[in-house]
Amino acid sequence: MNSSINNSAIENELKKLVNEILCLAKKSPDNIFDVLLILRELELLHRTIRQEMLEPNLPDTRHRLYLLLKHIEEVGGWPYIERMKIKDICDKLLSEEKSP
């Protein structure tokens, strides 16, 4: 497993990138197409990292599996990108139509 020093450096760089992406999204909050583009790119990035870097390095021994599961339990859950459901969009539209 990586040392905490490496995680710290990566965490700092990642926070900078996250802030840049948030700033980019905030530049056009009313342009849903720009926001969707950002979300699609993040989803593609997630998939690429998972398939090309995470999956090939999954544990191959019980000990490494234990270390991974322990880390997930202590630091946070499994990475997941939630998608908005079409039903939620329709419900929002219907509730706005009913409002005076």
C-alpha atoms as a PDB file:
ATOM      1  CA  MET A   1       0.000   0.000   0.000  1.00  0.00           C
ATOM      2  CA  ASN A   2       1.096   3.607  -0.570  1.00  0.00           C
ATOM      3  CA  SER A   3       2.712   5.560   2.191  1.00  0.00           C
ATOM      4  CA  SER A   4       0.844   8.448   3.809  1.00  0.00           C
ATOM      5  CA  ILE A   5       3.407  10.890   2.387  1.00  0.00           C
ATOM      6  CA  ASN A   6       2.508   9.868  -1.175  1.00  0.00           C
ATOM      7  CA  ASN A   7      -1.210   9.976  -0.378  1.00  0.00           C
ATOM      8  CA  SER A   8      -0.760  13.468   1.041  1.00  0.00           C
ATOM      9  CA  ALA A   9       0.953  14.753  -2.110  1.00  0.00           C
ATOM     10  CA  ILE A  10      -1.644  13.128  -4.354  1.00  0.00           C
ATOM     11  CA  GLU A  11      -4.458  14.428  -2.157  1.00  0.00           C
ATOM     12  CA  ASN A  12      -3.142  18.006  -2.428  1.00  0.00           C
ATOM     13  CA  GLU A  13      -2.804  17.797  -6.219  1.00  0.00           C
ATOM     14  CA  LEU A  14      -6.249  16.228  -6.507  1.00  0.00           C
ATOM     15  CA  LYS A  15      -7.844  18.967  -4.389  1.00  0.00           C
ATOM     16  CA  LYS A  16      -6.353  21.577  -6.743  1.00  0.00           C
ATOM     17  CA  LEU A  17      -7.814  19.780  -9.762  1.00  0.00           C
ATOM     18  CA  VAL A  18     -11.218  19.423  -8.081  1.00  0.00           C
ATOM     19  CA  ASN A  19     -11.231  23.164  -7.344  1.00  0.00           C
ATOM     20  CA  GLU A  20     -10.368  23.919 -10.982  1.00  0.00           C
ATOM     21  CA  ILE A  21     -13.230  21.713 -12.193  1.00  0.00           C
ATOM     22  CA  LEU A  22     -15.646  23.373  -9.747  1.00  0.00           C
ATOM     23  CA  CYS A  23     -14.540  26.810 -10.965  1.00  0.00           C
ATOM     24  CA  LEU A  24     -15.093  25.696 -14.545  1.00  0.00           C
ATOM     25  CA  ALA A  25     -18.611  24.464 -13.698  1.00  0.00           C
ATOM     26  CA  LYS A  26     -19.403  27.698 -11.843  1.00  0.00           C
ATOM     27  CA  LYS A  27     -18.497  29.768 -14.925  1.00  0.00           C
ATOM     28  CA  SER A  28     -21.642  28.577 -16.652  1.00  0.00           C
ATOM     29  CA  PRO A  29     -24.102  27.374 -14.005  1.00  0.00           C
ATOM     30  CA  ASP A  30     -27.090  28.147 -16.228  1.00  0.00           C
ATOM     31  CA  ASN A  31     -25.732  26.238 -19.221  1.00  0.00           C
ATOM     32  CA  ILE A  32     -26.929  22.692 -18.605  1.00  0.00           C
ATOM     33  CA  PHE A  33     -25.032  21.427 -21.660  1.00  0.00           C
ATOM     34  CA  ASP A  34     -21.685  22.606 -20.277  1.00  0.00           C
ATOM     35  CA  VAL A  35     -22.464  21.057 -16.897  1.00  0.00           C
ATOM     36  CA  LEU A  36     -23.464  17.765 -18.572  1.00  0.00           C
ATOM     37  CA  LEU A  37     -20.218  17.830 -20.556  1.00  0.00           C
ATOM     38  CA  ILE A  38     -18.227  18.168 -17.341  1.00  0.00           C
ATOM     39  CA  LEU A  39     -20.158  15.297 -15.727  1.00  0.00           C
ATOM     40  CA  ARG A  40     -19.676  13.080 -18.792  1.00  0.00           C
ATOM     41  CA  GLU A  41     -15.941  13.738 -18.804  1.00  0.00           C
ATOM     42  CA  LEU A  42     -15.717  12.953 -15.086  1.00  0.00           C
ATOM     43  CA  GLU A  43     -17.619   9.703 -15.653  1.00  0.00           C
ATOM     44  CA  LEU A  44     -15.268   8.770 -18.507  1.00  0.00           C
ATOM     45  CA  LEU A  45     -12.274   9.581 -16.323  1.00  0.00           C
ATOM     46  CA  HIS A  46     -13.700   7.426 -13.524  1.00  0.00           C
ATOM     47  CA  ARG A  47     -14.242   4.507 -15.908  1.00  0.00           C
ATOM     48  CA  THR A  48     -10.783   4.820 -17.461  1.00  0.00           C
ATOM     49  CA  ILE A  49      -8.990   4.937 -14.108  1.00  0.00           C
ATOM     50  CA  ARG A  50     -11.055   2.015 -12.802  1.00  0.00           C
ATOM     51  CA  GLN A  51     -10.504  -0.192 -15.868  1.00  0.00           C
ATOM     52  CA  GLU A  52      -6.877   0.655 -16.634  1.00  0.00           C
ATOM     53  CA  MET A  53      -5.375   1.282 -13.208  1.00  0.00           C
ATOM     54  CA  LEU A  54      -7.560  -0.126 -10.440  1.00  0.00           C
ATOM     55  CA  GLU A  55      -8.806  -3.417 -11.869  1.00  0.00           C
ATOM     56  CA  PRO A  56      -5.379  -4.673 -13.049  1.00  0.00           C
ATOM     57  CA  ASN A  57      -4.013  -3.985  -9.555  1.00  0.00           C
ATOM     58  CA  LEU A  58      -6.754  -5.605  -7.509  1.00  0.00           C
ATOM     59  CA  PRO A  59      -5.430  -7.894  -4.766  1.00  0.00           C
ATOM     60  CA  ASP A  60      -4.109 -11.301  -5.744  1.00  0.00           C
ATOM     61  CA  THR A  61      -3.661 -12.620  -2.218  1.00  0.00           C
ATOM     62  CA  ARG A  62      -5.894 -12.798   0.828  1.00  0.00           C
ATOM     63  CA  HIS A  63      -3.513 -10.557   2.750  1.00  0.00           C
ATOM     64  CA  ARG A  64      -3.647  -7.810   0.096  1.00  0.00           C
ATOM     65  CA  LEU A  65      -7.435  -8.186  -0.085  1.00  0.00           C
ATOM     66  CA  TYR A  66      -7.599  -7.749   3.679  1.00  0.00           C
ATOM     67  CA  LEU A  67      -5.465  -4.583   3.474  1.00  0.00           C
ATOM     68  CA  LEU A  68      -7.659  -3.164   0.716  1.00  0.00           C
ATOM     69  CA  LEU A  69     -10.895  -3.899   2.566  1.00  0.00           C
ATOM     70  CA  LYS A  70      -9.470  -2.473   5.779  1.00  0.00           C
ATOM     71  CA  HIS A  71      -8.462   0.698   3.942  1.00  0.00           C
ATOM     72  CA  ILE A  72     -11.923   1.024   2.353  1.00  0.00           C
ATOM     73  CA  GLU A  73     -13.564   0.592   5.746  1.00  0.00           C
ATOM     74  CA  GLU A  74     -11.308   3.151   7.452  1.00  0.00           C
ATOM     75  CA  VAL A  75     -11.067   5.807   4.734  1.00  0.00           C
ATOM     76  CA  GLY A  76     -14.316   5.595   2.802  1.00  0.00           C
ATOM     77  CA  GLY A  77     -16.501   3.418   0.686  1.00  0.00           C
ATOM     78  CA  TRP A  78     -16.048   2.122  -2.816  1.00  0.00           C
ATOM     79  CA  PRO A  79     -15.957   4.922  -5.434  1.00  0.00           C
ATOM     80  CA  TYR A  80     -19.310   5.412  -7.126  1.00  0.00           C
ATOM     81  CA  ILE A  81     -20.702   7.984  -9.511  1.00  0.00           C
ATOM     82  CA  GLU A  82     -24.429   8.414  -9.001  1.00  0.00           C
ATOM     83  CA  ARG A  83     -26.583   9.199 -12.010  1.00  0.00           C
ATOM     84  CA  MET A  84     -29.667  11.340 -11.867  1.00  0.00           C
ATOM     85  CA  LYS A  85     -32.761   9.378 -12.830  1.00  0.00           C
ATOM     86  CA  ILE A  86     -34.996  10.529 -15.680  1.00  0.00           C
ATOM     87  CA  LYS A  87     -37.923  10.071 -13.270  1.00  0.00           C
ATOM     88  CA  ASP A  88     -36.408  12.731 -10.968  1.00  0.00           C
ATOM     89  CA  ILE A  89     -36.175  15.170 -13.877  1.00  0.00           C
ATOM     90  CA  CYS A  90     -39.806  14.485 -14.829  1.00  0.00           C
ATOM     91  CA  ASP A  91     -40.968  14.856 -11.210  1.00  0.00           C
ATOM     92  CA  LYS A  92     -39.220  18.231 -10.988  1.00  0.00           C
ATOM     93  CA  LEU A  93     -40.834  19.366 -14.215  1.00  0.00           C
ATOM     94  CA  LEU A  94     -44.280  18.243 -13.066  1.00  0.00           C
ATOM     95  CA  SER A  95     -43.938  19.931  -9.665  1.00  0.00           C
ATOM     96  CA  GLU A  96     -42.939  23.205 -11.358  1.00  0.00           C
ATOM     97  CA  GLU A  97     -45.936  22.974 -13.718  1.00  0.00           C
ATOM     98  CA  LYS A  98     -48.287  22.527 -10.733  1.00  0.00           C
ATOM     99  CA  SER A  99     -46.847  25.544  -8.902  1.00  0.00           C
ATOM    100  CA  PRO A 100     -48.731  28.832  -9.468  1.00  0.00           C
END
